[in-house]
Amino acid sequence: KKEKNKLKDTFLKLCLNSFSGLLDNEYSWLYYPEGIMKVRCAGQLILLQVTDRLLSENFEPISLNTDGIEVRLKRSDLDKYYQILSEIETQHNIVFEHDFYSKIIYQNVNSYIAIAESGKVKEKGMFVRKPELGNSTDFLIIPNMLYDYFVSGIQPEKSIYNYNDIYLFCASQ
């Protein structure tokens, strides 16, 4: 990712996720439940260490889940923030990812829409407009209109008329 090589980054992420997924698959020759539990516990302990250090320096976490933390901070505190993370990265030989958001709207920690300062939009949970195969496609009009409102600033009374695909309004039972 640091090399800005999206293809290589995606390939390596796929390899890593495939490997860790096979550690948890009882039908895989790589099945090792104790090993994957160690990986998960180590990740959680590192994330708790990050949270503890940030709280002790009066940073304000706004959400925390299994693989990340969102923190509200002043630009003047960036150097201190990066110093804390750098120390933990060095201690554990890992690299954290960072992004800056202008807005995050939460339903909960696993369901949100986040607008990066770069303009990139991250959709999770009920905010996903184009779900992957196998995920719910019920009432996709809702995430589309939420996107219109929170990202584009279009009021729902106007946004609703921009959609003529009947399937966006449907649900399966």
Protein backbone atom coordinates (compact mmCIF):
# COMPACT_ATOMS: atom_id res chain seq x y z
CA LYS A 1 0.00 0.00 0.00
CA LYS A 2 2.86 2.37 0.82
CA GLU A 3 4.20 1.83 -2.71
CA LYS A 4 0.82 3.03 -4.09
CA ASN A 5 0.61 -0.22 -6.08
CA LYS A 6 -3.11 -1.02 -5.81
CA LEU A 7 -2.89 -4.28 -7.77
CA LYS A 8 -0.07 -5.66 -5.62
CA ASP A 9 -1.73 -4.42 -2.42
CA THR A 10 -5.04 -6.07 -3.35
CA PHE A 11 -3.30 -9.32 -4.32
CA LEU A 12 -1.32 -9.51 -1.07
CA LYS A 13 -4.39 -8.65 1.01
CA LEU A 14 -6.32 -11.42 -0.75
CA CYS A 15 -3.49 -13.89 -0.04
CA LEU A 16 -3.31 -12.91 3.61
CA ASN A 17 -7.08 -13.04 4.11
CA SER A 18 -7.28 -16.40 2.32
CA PHE A 19 -4.57 -17.85 4.53
CA SER A 20 -6.11 -16.57 7.77
CA GLY A 21 -9.53 -17.77 6.63
CA LEU A 22 -8.15 -21.26 6.03
CA LEU A 23 -6.75 -21.35 9.56
CA ASP A 24 -10.37 -21.10 10.72
CA ASN A 25 -11.79 -23.61 8.22
CA GLU A 26 -12.18 -27.10 9.69
CA TYR A 27 -12.02 -28.62 6.18
CA SER A 28 -8.70 -26.99 5.28
CA TRP A 29 -5.30 -28.64 5.62
CA LEU A 30 -4.25 -25.36 7.29
CA TYR A 31 -6.91 -25.67 10.01
CA TYR A 32 -5.42 -24.37 13.23
CA PRO A 33 -8.07 -22.85 15.52
CA GLU A 34 -5.60 -22.14 18.31
CA GLY A 35 -3.37 -20.27 15.88
CA ILE A 36 -6.11 -18.05 14.48
CA MET A 37 -7.30 -17.34 18.02
CA LYS A 38 -3.76 -16.21 18.91
CA VAL A 39 -3.76 -13.89 15.88
CA ARG A 40 -7.13 -12.41 16.87
CA CYS A 41 -6.19 -11.99 20.52
CA ALA A 42 -2.87 -10.37 19.64
CA GLY A 43 -4.64 -7.93 17.32
CA GLN A 44 -7.17 -7.06 19.98
CA LEU A 45 -4.48 -6.52 22.62
CA ILE A 46 -2.52 -4.24 20.29
CA LEU A 47 -5.68 -2.26 19.53
CA LEU A 48 -6.39 -1.97 23.26
CA GLN A 49 -2.84 -0.73 23.78
CA VAL A 50 -3.40 1.93 21.10
CA THR A 51 -6.69 2.93 22.74
CA ASP A 52 -5.14 3.09 26.20
CA ARG A 53 -2.23 5.25 25.02
CA LEU A 54 -4.51 7.61 23.11
CA LEU A 55 -6.89 7.97 26.06
CA SER A 56 -3.98 8.62 28.43
CA GLU A 57 -2.95 11.50 26.16
CA ASN A 58 -6.53 12.88 26.15
CA PHE A 59 -7.40 11.92 22.58
CA GLU A 60 -11.08 11.26 21.94
CA PRO A 61 -11.92 7.86 20.40
CA ILE A 62 -15.32 7.96 18.71
CA SER A 63 -15.53 4.31 17.63
CA LEU A 64 -13.59 1.12 18.09
CA ASN A 65 -14.14 -2.32 16.63
CA THR A 66 -12.08 -5.44 15.96
CA ASP A 67 -9.81 -3.92 13.35
CA GLY A 68 -9.64 -0.20 13.91
CA ILE A 69 -10.24 2.92 15.88
CA GLU A 70 -11.58 6.29 14.82
CA VAL A 71 -10.26 9.23 16.82
CA ARG A 72 -11.30 12.87 16.86
CA LEU A 73 -8.25 15.08 17.13
CA LYS A 74 -7.00 18.56 16.43
CA ARG A 75 -4.55 19.08 13.57
CA SER A 76 -2.17 20.59 16.15
CA ASP A 77 -2.07 17.17 17.90
CA LEU A 78 -1.15 15.17 14.78
CA ASP A 79 2.55 14.90 15.64
CA LYS A 80 1.77 13.53 19.10
CA TYR A 81 -0.79 11.11 17.60
CA TYR A 82 1.69 9.84 15.00
CA GLN A 83 4.41 9.49 17.65
CA ILE A 84 2.19 7.26 19.80
CA LEU A 85 1.26 5.06 16.85
CA SER A 86 4.85 4.91 15.62
CA GLU A 87 6.03 3.63 19.00
CA ILE A 88 3.41 0.87 18.98
CA GLU A 89 4.13 0.01 15.33
CA THR A 90 7.82 -0.37 16.15
CA GLN A 91 7.10 -2.41 19.28
CA HIS A 92 4.93 -4.91 17.36
CA ASN A 93 6.48 -4.68 13.87
CA ILE A 94 3.22 -3.63 12.22
CA VAL A 95 2.00 -0.67 10.18
CA PHE A 96 -1.28 1.11 10.84
CA GLU A 97 -3.42 2.63 8.10
CA HIS A 98 -4.68 6.19 8.45
CA ASP A 99 -7.30 8.32 6.80
CA PHE A 100 -8.90 11.67 7.52
CA TYR A 101 -12.67 12.00 7.41
CA SER A 102 -14.74 15.11 7.02
CA LYS A 103 -17.86 13.25 8.09
CA ILE A 104 -18.89 9.87 9.51
CA ILE A 105 -22.53 8.92 10.00
CA TYR A 106 -23.06 5.84 12.19
CA GLN A 107 -25.93 3.48 12.63
CA ASN A 108 -23.48 1.47 14.74
CA VAL A 109 -19.80 0.57 14.69
CA ASN A 110 -20.31 -1.89 11.79
CA SER A 111 -22.79 0.21 9.85
CA TYR A 112 -21.72 3.65 8.71
CA ILE A 113 -20.89 5.93 5.82
CA ALA A 114 -17.60 7.80 6.05
CA ILE A 115 -16.52 10.61 3.74
CA ALA A 116 -12.76 10.99 3.54
CA GLU A 117 -11.23 14.41 3.04
CA SER A 118 -10.01 13.06 -0.31
CA GLY A 119 -13.65 12.61 -1.34
CA LYS A 120 -13.56 8.81 -1.14
CA VAL A 121 -16.70 7.35 0.44
CA LYS A 122 -16.61 4.19 2.59
CA GLU A 123 -19.91 2.32 3.00
CA LYS A 124 -20.56 -0.41 5.57
CA GLY A 125 -23.65 -2.28 6.76
CA MET A 126 -26.97 -0.65 5.92
CA PHE A 127 -25.19 2.12 3.96
CA VAL A 128 -23.87 -0.24 1.24
CA ARG A 129 -25.51 0.67 -2.07
CA LYS A 130 -24.02 -2.14 -4.16
CA PRO A 131 -23.75 -5.24 -1.95
CA GLU A 132 -21.59 -8.19 -2.86
CA LEU A 133 -23.24 -11.39 -4.03
CA GLY A 134 -24.74 -13.18 -1.04
CA ASN A 135 -25.43 -10.04 0.99
CA SER A 136 -28.87 -8.50 1.40
CA THR A 137 -30.32 -6.64 -1.55
CA ASP A 138 -33.51 -5.67 0.28
CA PHE A 139 -34.74 -2.10 -0.10
CA LEU A 140 -31.55 -0.74 -1.67
CA ILE A 141 -33.40 2.53 -2.11
CA ILE A 142 -32.56 3.25 1.55
CA PRO A 143 -28.74 3.27 1.27
CA ASN A 144 -29.00 5.13 -2.04
CA MET A 145 -31.10 7.89 -0.51
CA LEU A 146 -28.87 8.02 2.60
CA TYR A 147 -25.90 8.49 0.28
CA ASP A 148 -27.73 11.22 -1.60
CA TYR A 149 -28.53 13.01 1.66
CA PHE A 150 -25.27 12.65 3.61
CA VAL A 151 -22.78 12.79 0.71
CA SER A 152 -24.53 14.89 -1.94
CA GLY A 153 -26.80 16.97 0.27
CA ILE A 154 -29.97 16.07 -1.66
CA GLN A 155 -33.15 16.09 0.42
CA PRO A 156 -35.09 12.77 0.40
CA GLU A 157 -38.21 14.48 -1.00
CA LYS A 158 -36.21 15.33 -4.13
CA SER A 159 -33.88 12.31 -4.19
CA ILE A 160 -36.69 9.75 -4.40
CA TYR A 161 -37.60 10.98 -7.89
CA ASN A 162 -34.09 10.22 -9.19
CA TYR A 163 -34.72 6.47 -9.02
CA ASN A 164 -36.75 4.49 -11.53
CA ASP A 165 -35.34 1.00 -10.94
CA ILE A 166 -38.17 -0.94 -9.29
CA TYR A 167 -35.73 -3.46 -7.81
CA LEU A 168 -34.30 -0.80 -5.51
CA PHE A 169 -37.68 -0.72 -3.77
CA CYS A 170 -38.07 -4.51 -3.43
CA ALA A 171 -37.30 -7.06 -0.73
CA SER A 172 -37.19 -10.83 -0.84
CA GLN A 173 -39.20 -12.94 1.58
